[in-house]
PDB file of N, CA and C in Angstrom:
ATOM      1  N   MET A   1       7.715  -6.162  -3.347  1.00  0.00           N
ATOM      2  CA  MET A   1       7.639  -6.964  -2.262  1.00  0.00           C
ATOM      3  C   MET A   1       8.515  -8.101  -2.505  1.00  0.00           C
ATOM      4  N   THR A   2       8.962  -8.519  -1.195  1.00  0.00           N
ATOM      5  CA  THR A   2       9.698  -9.905  -1.306  1.00  0.00           C
ATOM      6  C   THR A   2       8.950 -11.006  -1.287  1.00  0.00           C
ATOM      7  N   SER A   3       9.660 -12.084  -1.630  1.00  0.00           N
ATOM      8  CA  SER A   3       8.842 -13.414  -1.655  1.00  0.00           C
ATOM      9  C   SER A   3       8.085 -13.631  -0.571  1.00  0.00           C
ATOM     10  N   ALA A   4       8.703 -13.534   0.859  1.00  0.00           N
ATOM     11  CA  ALA A   4       8.042 -13.644   2.045  1.00  0.00           C
ATOM     12  C   ALA A   4       6.793 -12.982   2.081  1.00  0.00           C
ATOM     13  N   ASP A   5       6.867 -11.543   1.701  1.00  0.00           N
ATOM     14  CA  ASP A   5       5.588 -10.757   1.728  1.00  0.00           C
ATOM     15  C   ASP A   5       4.667 -11.300   0.986  1.00  0.00           C
ATOM     16  N   LEU A   6       4.889 -11.613  -0.317  1.00  0.00           N
ATOM     17  CA  LEU A   6       4.007 -12.136  -1.342  1.00  0.00           C
ATOM     18  C   LEU A   6       3.450 -13.612  -0.665  1.00  0.00           C
ATOM     19  N   TYR A   7       4.258 -14.338  -0.080  1.00  0.00           N
ATOM     20  CA  TYR A   7       3.609 -15.472   0.395  1.00  0.00           C
ATOM     21  C   TYR A   7       2.756 -15.385   1.565  1.00  0.00           C
ATOM     22  N   GLU A   8       2.874 -14.256   2.243  1.00  0.00           N
ATOM     23  CA  GLU A   8       2.066 -14.044   3.471  1.00  0.00           C
ATOM     24  C   GLU A   8       0.865 -13.326   2.846  1.00  0.00           C
ATOM     25  N   LYS A   9       0.795 -12.499   1.878  1.00  0.00           N
ATOM     26  CA  LYS A   9      -0.311 -11.994   1.312  1.00  0.00           C
ATOM     27  C   LYS A   9      -1.325 -13.258   0.788  1.00  0.00           C
ATOM     28  N   ALA A  10      -0.585 -14.117   0.090  1.00  0.00           N
ATOM     29  CA  ALA A  10      -1.362 -15.260  -0.461  1.00  0.00           C
ATOM     30  C   ALA A  10      -2.051 -16.122   0.711  1.00  0.00           C
ATOM     31  N   ARG A  11      -1.356 -16.178   1.960  1.00  0.00           N
ATOM     32  CA  ARG A  11      -1.981 -16.900   3.018  1.00  0.00           C
ATOM     33  C   ARG A  11      -3.061 -16.105   3.503  1.00  0.00           C
ATOM     34  N   LEU A  12      -3.120 -15.138   3.668  1.00  0.00           N
ATOM     35  CA  LEU A  12      -3.929 -13.926   4.061  1.00  0.00           C
ATOM     36  C   LEU A  12      -5.191 -14.102   3.212  1.00  0.00           C
ATOM     37  N   LEU A  13      -4.973 -14.000   1.903  1.00  0.00           N
ATOM     38  CA  LEU A  13      -6.205 -14.068   0.980  1.00  0.00           C
ATOM     39  C   LEU A  13      -6.956 -15.385   1.206  1.00  0.00           C
ATOM     40  N   ASP A  14      -6.079 -16.542   1.140  1.00  0.00           N
ATOM     41  CA  ASP A  14      -6.775 -17.978   1.479  1.00  0.00           C
ATOM     42  C   ASP A  14      -7.602 -17.894   2.711  1.00  0.00           C
ATOM     43  N   ALA A  15      -7.044 -17.305   3.542  1.00  0.00           N
ATOM     44  CA  ALA A  15      -7.733 -17.226   5.100  1.00  0.00           C
ATOM     45  C   ALA A  15      -9.192 -16.522   5.116  1.00  0.00           C
ATOM     46  N   LEU A  16      -8.976 -15.584   4.277  1.00  0.00           N
ATOM     47  CA  LEU A  16     -10.249 -14.680   3.863  1.00  0.00           C
ATOM     48  C   LEU A  16     -11.212 -15.300   3.024  1.00  0.00           C
ATOM     49  N   ALA A  17     -10.734 -15.930   2.207  1.00  0.00           N
ATOM     50  CA  ALA A  17     -11.596 -16.721   1.206  1.00  0.00           C
ATOM     51  C   ALA A  17     -12.603 -17.776   2.074  1.00  0.00           C
ATOM     52  N   ALA A  18     -11.695 -18.485   3.123  1.00  0.00           N
ATOM     53  CA  ALA A  18     -12.343 -19.362   4.074  1.00  0.00           C
ATOM     54  C   ALA A  18     -13.316 -18.758   4.836  1.00  0.00           C
ATOM     55  N   ASP A  19     -13.080 -17.530   5.290  1.00  0.00           N
ATOM     56  CA  ASP A  19     -14.059 -16.800   6.115  1.00  0.00           C
ATOM     57  C   ASP A  19     -15.199 -16.159   5.383  1.00  0.00           C
ATOM     58  N   VAL A  20     -14.946 -15.957   4.144  1.00  0.00           N
ATOM     59  CA  VAL A  20     -16.049 -15.349   3.238  1.00  0.00           C
ATOM     60  C   VAL A  20     -17.070 -16.501   3.023  1.00  0.00           C
ATOM     61  N   GLU A  21     -16.370 -17.788   2.470  1.00  0.00           N
ATOM     62  CA  GLU A  21     -17.308 -18.854   1.966  1.00  0.00           C
ATOM     63  C   GLU A  21     -18.079 -19.278   3.017  1.00  0.00           C
ATOM     64  N   ASP A  22     -17.848 -19.098   4.339  1.00  0.00           N
ATOM     65  CA  ASP A  22     -18.601 -19.659   5.414  1.00  0.00           C
ATOM     66  C   ASP A  22     -19.508 -18.606   6.253  1.00  0.00           C
ATOM     67  N   CYS A  23     -19.140 -17.395   5.912  1.00  0.00           N
ATOM     68  CA  CYS A  23     -20.122 -16.217   6.373  1.00  0.00           C
ATOM     69  C   CYS A  23     -21.769 -16.648   6.620  1.00  0.00           C
ATOM     70  N   VAL A  24     -22.211 -17.106   5.661  1.00  0.00           N
ATOM     71  CA  VAL A  24     -23.755 -17.141   5.602  1.00  0.00           C
ATOM     72  C   VAL A  24     -24.174 -18.355   6.292  1.00  0.00           C
ATOM     73  N   ASP A  25     -23.216 -19.533   6.408  1.00  0.00           N
ATOM     74  CA  ASP A  25     -23.655 -20.682   6.871  1.00  0.00           C
ATOM     75  C   ASP A  25     -24.341 -20.563   8.091  1.00  0.00           C
ATOM     76  N   PRO A  26     -24.091 -19.923   9.201  1.00  0.00           N
ATOM     77  CA  PRO A  26     -24.711 -19.913  10.403  1.00  0.00           C
ATOM     78  C   PRO A  26     -26.028 -19.458  10.461  1.00  0.00           C
ATOM     79  N   ALA A  27     -26.390 -18.427   9.514  1.00  0.00           N
ATOM     80  CA  ALA A  27     -27.647 -17.848   9.466  1.00  0.00           C
ATOM     81  C   ALA A  27     -28.514 -18.946   8.538  1.00  0.00           C
ATOM     82  N   LYS A  28     -27.987 -19.553   7.609  1.00  0.00           N
ATOM     83  CA  LYS A  28     -28.594 -20.521   6.677  1.00  0.00           C
ATOM     84  C   LYS A  28     -28.987 -21.889   7.665  1.00  0.00           C
ATOM     85  N   THR A  29     -28.007 -22.199   8.486  1.00  0.00           N
ATOM     86  CA  THR A  29     -28.300 -23.220   9.354  1.00  0.00           C
ATOM     87  C   THR A  29     -29.590 -23.150  10.173  1.00  0.00           C
ATOM     88  N   VAL A  30     -29.523 -21.869  10.903  1.00  0.00           N
ATOM     89  CA  VAL A  30     -30.670 -21.571  11.485  1.00  0.00           C
ATOM     90  C   VAL A  30     -31.958 -21.476  10.850  1.00  0.00           C
ATOM     91  N   ALA A  31     -31.986 -20.629   9.732  1.00  0.00           N
ATOM     92  CA  ALA A  31     -33.146 -20.628   9.124  1.00  0.00           C
ATOM     93  C   ALA A  31     -33.681 -21.741   8.500  1.00  0.00           C
ATOM     94  N   SER A  32     -32.679 -22.786   8.201  1.00  0.00           N
ATOM     95  CA  SER A  32     -33.204 -24.133   7.878  1.00  0.00           C
ATOM     96  C   SER A  32     -33.831 -25.150   9.064  1.00  0.00           C
ATOM     97  N   SER A  33     -33.643 -24.620  10.186  1.00  0.00           N
ATOM     98  CA  SER A  33     -34.190 -25.436  11.266  1.00  0.00           C
ATOM     99  C   SER A  33     -35.487 -25.467  11.509  1.00  0.00           C
ATOM    100  N   PRO A  34     -36.109 -26.452  11.936  1.00  0.00           N
ATOM    101  CA  PRO A  34     -37.473 -26.572  12.028  1.00  0.00           C
ATOM    102  C   PRO A  34     -38.221 -25.520  13.085  1.00  0.00           C
ATOM    103  N   ASP A  35     -37.281 -25.235  14.033  1.00  0.00           N
ATOM    104  CA  ASP A  35     -37.653 -24.094  15.002  1.00  0.00           C
ATOM    105  C   ASP A  35     -37.993 -22.794  14.411  1.00  0.00           C
ATOM    106  N   TRP A  36     -37.446 -22.645  13.095  1.00  0.00           N
ATOM    107  CA  TRP A  36     -37.457 -21.227  12.524  1.00  0.00           C
ATOM    108  C   TRP A  36     -38.341 -21.333  11.374  1.00  0.00           C
ATOM    109  N   ASP A  37     -39.611 -21.344  11.748  1.00  0.00           N
ATOM    110  CA  ASP A  37     -40.711 -21.678  10.715  1.00  0.00           C
ATOM    111  C   ASP A  37     -41.673 -20.268  10.974  1.00  0.00           C
ATOM    112  N   CYS A  38     -41.836 -19.503   9.747  1.00  0.00           N
ATOM    113  CA  CYS A  38     -42.494 -18.350  10.036  1.00  0.00           C
ATOM    114  C   CYS A  38     -42.985 -17.913   8.760  1.00  0.00           C
ATOM    115  N   ALA A  39     -43.795 -16.910   8.612  1.00  0.00           N
ATOM    116  CA  ALA A  39     -44.615 -16.349   7.227  1.00  0.00           C
ATOM    117  C   ALA A  39     -43.534 -16.272   6.154  1.00  0.00           C
ATOM    118  N   ASN A  40     -42.461 -15.540   6.583  1.00  0.00           N
ATOM    119  CA  ASN A  40     -41.545 -15.316   5.315  1.00  0.00           C
ATOM    120  C   ASN A  40     -40.317 -16.293   5.357  1.00  0.00           C
ATOM    121  N   GLY A  41     -40.420 -17.461   6.005  1.00  0.00           N
ATOM    122  CA  GLY A  41     -39.281 -18.228   6.117  1.00  0.00           C
ATOM    123  C   GLY A  41     -38.640 -18.674   4.701  1.00  0.00           C
ATOM    124  N   ASP A  42     -39.525 -19.034   3.798  1.00  0.00           N
ATOM    125  CA  ASP A  42     -39.338 -19.651   2.559  1.00  0.00           C
ATOM    126  C   ASP A  42     -38.339 -18.406   1.778  1.00  0.00           C
ATOM    127  N   ASP A  43     -38.845 -17.270   2.027  1.00  0.00           N
ATOM    128  CA  ASP A  43     -38.130 -16.081   1.290  1.00  0.00           C
ATOM    129  C   ASP A  43     -36.934 -15.947   1.957  1.00  0.00           C
ATOM    130  N   VAL A  44     -36.693 -15.869   3.242  1.00  0.00           N
ATOM    131  CA  VAL A  44     -35.389 -15.847   3.806  1.00  0.00           C
ATOM    132  C   VAL A  44     -34.439 -16.996   3.375  1.00  0.00           C
ATOM    133  N   ARG A  45     -34.987 -18.139   3.435  1.00  0.00           N
ATOM    134  CA  ARG A  45     -34.064 -19.234   2.996  1.00  0.00           C
ATOM    135  C   ARG A  45     -33.514 -19.044   1.679  1.00  0.00           C
ATOM    136  N   ALA A  46     -34.544 -18.589   0.740  1.00  0.00           N
ATOM    137  CA  ALA A  46     -33.985 -18.358  -0.696  1.00  0.00           C
ATOM    138  C   ALA A  46     -33.093 -17.403  -0.634  1.00  0.00           C
ATOM    139  N   ALA A  47     -33.279 -16.267  -0.128  1.00  0.00           N
ATOM    140  CA  ALA A  47     -32.247 -15.083   0.039  1.00  0.00           C
ATOM    141  C   ALA A  47     -31.030 -15.553   0.661  1.00  0.00           C
ATOM    142  N   LEU A  48     -31.092 -16.414   1.491  1.00  0.00           N
ATOM    143  CA  LEU A  48     -29.701 -16.935   2.182  1.00  0.00           C
ATOM    144  C   LEU A  48     -29.063 -17.803   1.214  1.00  0.00           C
ATOM    145  N   SER A  49     -29.658 -18.651   0.499  1.00  0.00           N
ATOM    146  CA  SER A  49     -29.158 -19.525  -0.436  1.00  0.00           C
ATOM    147  C   SER A  49     -28.568 -18.667  -1.494  1.00  0.00           C
ATOM    148  N   HIS A  50     -29.237 -17.436  -2.065  1.00  0.00           N
ATOM    149  CA  HIS A  50     -28.597 -16.732  -3.065  1.00  0.00           C
ATOM    150  C   HIS A  50     -27.298 -16.072  -2.518  1.00  0.00           C
ATOM    151  N   TRP A  51     -27.423 -15.718  -1.303  1.00  0.00           N
ATOM    152  CA  TRP A  51     -26.166 -14.788  -0.625  1.00  0.00           C
ATOM    153  C   TRP A  51     -24.816 -15.877  -0.472  1.00  0.00           C
ATOM    154  N   ARG A  52     -25.490 -17.113  -0.155  1.00  0.00           N
ATOM    155  CA  ARG A  52     -24.519 -18.352   0.078  1.00  0.00           C
ATOM    156  C   ARG A  52     -23.757 -18.481  -1.376  1.00  0.00           C
ATOM    157  N   GLY A  53     -24.498 -18.555  -2.436  1.00  0.00           N
ATOM    158  CA  GLY A  53     -23.688 -18.636  -3.669  1.00  0.00           C
ATOM    159  C   GLY A  53     -22.846 -17.496  -3.927  1.00  0.00           C
ATOM    160  N   LYS A  54     -23.356 -16.217  -3.558  1.00  0.00           N
ATOM    161  CA  LYS A  54     -22.598 -15.034  -3.900  1.00  0.00           C
ATOM    162  C   LYS A  54     -21.032 -15.086  -3.112  1.00  0.00           C
ATOM    163  N   ALA A  55     -21.232 -15.685  -1.907  1.00  0.00           N
ATOM    164  CA  ALA A  55     -20.075 -15.752  -1.084  1.00  0.00           C
ATOM    165  C   ALA A  55     -19.146 -16.874  -1.415  1.00  0.00           C
ATOM    166  N   HIS A  56     -19.731 -17.941  -1.870  1.00  0.00           N
ATOM    167  CA  HIS A  56     -18.777 -19.029  -2.609  1.00  0.00           C
ATOM    168  C   HIS A  56     -18.148 -18.453  -3.785  1.00  0.00           C
ATOM    169  N   GLY A  57     -18.764 -17.544  -4.788  1.00  0.00           N
ATOM    170  CA  GLY A  57     -18.069 -16.910  -5.855  1.00  0.00           C
ATOM    171  C   GLY A  57     -17.130 -15.903  -5.297  1.00  0.00           C
ATOM    172  N   ALA A  58     -17.277 -15.167  -4.331  1.00  0.00           N
ATOM    173  CA  ALA A  58     -16.166 -14.307  -4.016  1.00  0.00           C
ATOM    174  C   ALA A  58     -15.119 -15.019  -3.305  1.00  0.00           C
ATOM    175  N   ALA A  59     -15.550 -15.891  -2.745  1.00  0.00           N
ATOM    176  CA  ALA A  59     -14.136 -16.948  -2.256  1.00  0.00           C
ATOM    177  C   ALA A  59     -13.462 -17.478  -3.321  1.00  0.00           C
ATOM    178  N   ARG A  60     -14.013 -17.929  -4.121  1.00  0.00           N
ATOM    179  CA  ARG A  60     -13.388 -18.580  -5.303  1.00  0.00           C
ATOM    180  C   ARG A  60     -12.352 -17.570  -6.027  1.00  0.00           C
ATOM    181  N   ASN A  61     -12.985 -16.353  -6.230  1.00  0.00           N
ATOM    182  CA  ASN A  61     -12.319 -15.243  -6.701  1.00  0.00           C
ATOM    183  C   ASN A  61     -10.898 -14.743  -5.777  1.00  0.00           C
ATOM    184  N   LEU A  62     -11.119 -15.081  -4.542  1.00  0.00           N
ATOM    185  CA  LEU A  62     -10.107 -14.673  -3.493  1.00  0.00           C
ATOM    186  C   LEU A  62      -8.949 -15.489  -3.485  1.00  0.00           C
ATOM    187  N   ARG A  63      -9.243 -16.920  -4.008  1.00  0.00           N
ATOM    188  CA  ARG A  63      -8.523 -18.033  -4.103  1.00  0.00           C
ATOM    189  C   ARG A  63      -7.778 -17.817  -5.235  1.00  0.00           C
ATOM    190  N   ASP A  64      -8.307 -17.508  -6.553  1.00  0.00           N
ATOM    191  CA  ASP A  64      -7.738 -17.130  -7.837  1.00  0.00           C
ATOM    192  C   ASP A  64      -6.684 -16.097  -7.493  1.00  0.00           C
ATOM    193  N   GLU A  65      -7.040 -14.979  -6.846  1.00  0.00           N
ATOM    194  CA  GLU A  65      -6.223 -14.197  -6.680  1.00  0.00           C
ATOM    195  C   GLU A  65      -4.755 -14.545  -5.739  1.00  0.00           C
ATOM    196  N   ALA A  66      -5.313 -15.342  -4.769  1.00  0.00           N
ATOM    197  CA  ALA A  66      -4.233 -15.965  -3.946  1.00  0.00           C
ATOM    198  C   ALA A  66      -3.062 -16.693  -4.619  1.00  0.00           C
ATOM    199  N   ALA A  67      -3.797 -17.594  -5.573  1.00  0.00           N
ATOM    200  CA  ALA A  67      -2.983 -18.392  -6.658  1.00  0.00           C
ATOM    201  C   ALA A  67      -2.022 -17.541  -7.509  1.00  0.00           C
ATOM    202  N   ARG A  68      -2.611 -16.442  -7.863  1.00  0.00           N
ATOM    203  CA  ARG A  68      -1.834 -15.423  -8.685  1.00  0.00           C
ATOM    204  C   ARG A  68      -0.633 -14.703  -7.979  1.00  0.00           C
ATOM    205  N   VAL A  69      -1.003 -14.452  -6.640  1.00  0.00           N
ATOM    206  CA  VAL A  69       0.083 -13.844  -5.790  1.00  0.00           C
ATOM    207  C   VAL A  69       1.277 -14.921  -5.436  1.00  0.00           C
ATOM    208  N   ARG A  70       0.734 -16.159  -5.220  1.00  0.00           N
ATOM    209  CA  ARG A  70       1.658 -17.219  -4.844  1.00  0.00           C
ATOM    210  C   ARG A  70       2.589 -17.332  -6.036  1.00  0.00           C
ATOM    211  N   SER A  71       2.075 -17.352  -7.220  1.00  0.00           N
ATOM    212  CA  SER A  71       2.802 -17.394  -8.577  1.00  0.00           C
ATOM    213  C   SER A  71       3.876 -16.572  -8.514  1.00  0.00           C
ATOM    214  N   GLN A  72       3.576 -15.170  -8.068  1.00  0.00           N
ATOM    215  CA  GLN A  72       4.513 -13.913  -8.233  1.00  0.00           C
ATOM    216  C   GLN A  72       5.383 -14.251  -6.891  1.00  0.00           C
ATOM    217  N   ALA A  73       5.207 -14.874  -5.864  1.00  0.00           N
ATOM    218  CA  ALA A  73       6.072 -15.227  -4.759  1.00  0.00           C
ATOM    219  C   ALA A  73       7.028 -16.066  -5.349  1.00  0.00           C
ATOM    220  N   HIS A  74       6.592 -17.096  -5.967  1.00  0.00           N
ATOM    221  CA  HIS A  74       7.617 -18.187  -6.613  1.00  0.00           C
ATOM    222  C   HIS A  74       8.681 -17.586  -7.406  1.00  0.00           C
ATOM    223  N   LYS A  75       8.216 -16.765  -8.342  1.00  0.00           N
ATOM    224  CA  LYS A  75       8.999 -15.868  -9.305  1.00  0.00           C
ATOM    225  C   LYS A  75      10.165 -15.076  -8.583  1.00  0.00           C
ATOM    226  N   ALA A  76       9.446 -14.265  -7.516  1.00  0.00           N
ATOM    227  CA  ALA A  76      10.320 -13.441  -6.634  1.00  0.00           C
ATOM    228  C   ALA A  76      11.279 -14.037  -6.022  1.00  0.00           C
ATOM    229  N   ALA A  77      11.023 -15.290  -5.482  1.00  0.00           N
ATOM    230  CA  ALA A  77      11.918 -16.329  -4.615  1.00  0.00           C
ATOM    231  C   ALA A  77      13.065 -16.721  -5.615  1.00  0.00           C
ATOM    232  N   ASP A  78      12.706 -17.047  -6.861  1.00  0.00           N
ATOM    233  CA  ASP A  78      13.670 -17.319  -7.943  1.00  0.00           C
ATOM    234  C   ASP A  78      14.649 -16.258  -8.229  1.00  0.00           C
ATOM    235  N   ARG A  79      14.078 -14.877  -8.286  1.00  0.00           N
ATOM    236  CA  ARG A  79      14.961 -13.754  -8.554  1.00  0.00           C
ATOM    237  C   ARG A  79      15.736 -13.569  -7.289  1.00  0.00           C
ATOM    238  N   GLU A  80      15.222 -13.645  -6.298  1.00  0.00           N
ATOM    239  CA  GLU A  80      16.274 -13.327  -4.985  1.00  0.00           C
ATOM    240  C   GLU A  80      17.285 -14.515  -4.927  1.00  0.00           C
ATOM    241  N   GLU A  81      17.012 -15.771  -5.438  1.00  0.00           N
ATOM    242  CA  GLU A  81      17.962 -16.925  -5.167  1.00  0.00           C
ATOM    243  C   GLU A  81      19.038 -16.402  -6.014  1.00  0.00           C
ATOM    244  N   GLU A  82      18.731 -15.984  -7.355  1.00  0.00           N
ATOM    245  CA  GLU A  82      19.770 -15.783  -8.456  1.00  0.00           C
ATOM    246  C   GLU A  82      20.503 -14.554  -8.068  1.00  0.00           C
ATOM    247  N   GLN A  83      19.949 -13.638  -7.382  1.00  0.00           N
ATOM    248  CA  GLN A  83      20.428 -12.264  -6.974  1.00  0.00           C
ATOM    249  C   GLN A  83      21.672 -12.856  -5.897  1.00  0.00           C
ATOM    250  N   ARG A  84      21.328 -13.791  -4.839  1.00  0.00           N
ATOM    251  CA  ARG A  84      22.398 -14.225  -3.887  1.00  0.00           C
ATOM    252  C   ARG A  84      23.403 -14.801  -4.410  1.00  0.00           C
ATOM    253  N   GLU A  85      23.056 -15.796  -5.557  1.00  0.00           N
ATOM    254  CA  GLU A  85      24.162 -16.445  -6.284  1.00  0.00           C
ATOM    255  C   GLU A  85      25.023 -15.579  -7.075  1.00  0.00           C
ATOM    256  N   GLN A  86      24.482 -14.769  -7.536  1.00  0.00           N
ATOM    257  CA  GLN A  86      25.267 -13.515  -8.321  1.00  0.00           C
ATOM    258  C   GLN A  86      26.176 -12.976  -7.293  1.00  0.00           C
ATOM    259  N   ASP A  87      25.603 -12.314  -6.134  1.00  0.00           N
ATOM    260  CA  ASP A  87      26.511 -11.808  -5.295  1.00  0.00           C
ATOM    261  C   ASP A  87      27.584 -12.744  -4.662  1.00  0.00           C
ATOM    262  N   ALA A  88      27.311 -13.780  -4.563  1.00  0.00           N
ATOM    263  CA  ALA A  88      28.422 -14.741  -4.112  1.00  0.00           C
ATOM    264  C   ALA A  88      29.471 -14.776  -5.137  1.00  0.00           C
ATOM    265  N   ARG A  89      29.125 -15.014  -6.490  1.00  0.00           N
ATOM    266  CA  ARG A  89      30.077 -15.074  -7.334  1.00  0.00           C
ATOM    267  C   ARG A  89      31.074 -13.746  -7.580  1.00  0.00           C
ATOM    268  N   ASP A  90      30.256 -12.735  -7.304  1.00  0.00           N
ATOM    269  CA  ASP A  90      31.109 -11.321  -7.403  1.00  0.00           C
ATOM    270  C   ASP A  90      31.877 -11.185  -6.376  1.00  0.00           C
ATOM    271  N   ARG A  91      31.594 -11.777  -4.942  1.00  0.00           N
ATOM    272  CA  ARG A  91      32.329 -11.489  -3.821  1.00  0.00           C
ATOM    273  C   ARG A  91      33.595 -12.411  -4.042  1.00  0.00           C
ATOM    274  N   ARG A  92      33.389 -13.822  -4.801  1.00  0.00           N
ATOM    275  CA  ARG A  92      34.550 -14.611  -5.178  1.00  0.00           C
ATOM    276  C   ARG A  92      35.444 -14.026  -6.052  1.00  0.00           C
ATOM    277  N   ALA A  93      35.122 -13.212  -6.923  1.00  0.00           N
ATOM    278  CA  ALA A  93      35.793 -12.687  -8.243  1.00  0.00           C
ATOM    279  C   ALA A  93      36.698 -11.712  -7.492  1.00  0.00           C
ATOM    280  N   GLN A  94      36.469 -10.930  -6.607  1.00  0.00           N
ATOM    281  CA  GLN A  94      37.118  -9.715  -5.702  1.00  0.00           C
ATOM    282  C   GLN A  94      38.371 -10.095  -5.175  1.00  0.00           C
TER     283      GLN A  94
END
């Protein structure tokens, strides 16, 4: 993969992490409102808190992967630059 491809992959992983991190928040907000009072409300709120924690953990893992990919992109960009410089030297030597 080129450095541009890797940077795009890292950007997409970060965007996915943001979506995953917030996916439970709308349901948790509704379940926490005073209008949402029912017999199993406490159980639902506890479950949503649990899943919100899981979503945050998954988002953290996605961000870690994005950082790893971004590091690969930096290395690939360095290699690409070195290759361009080598190609320019080779052209001048001819």
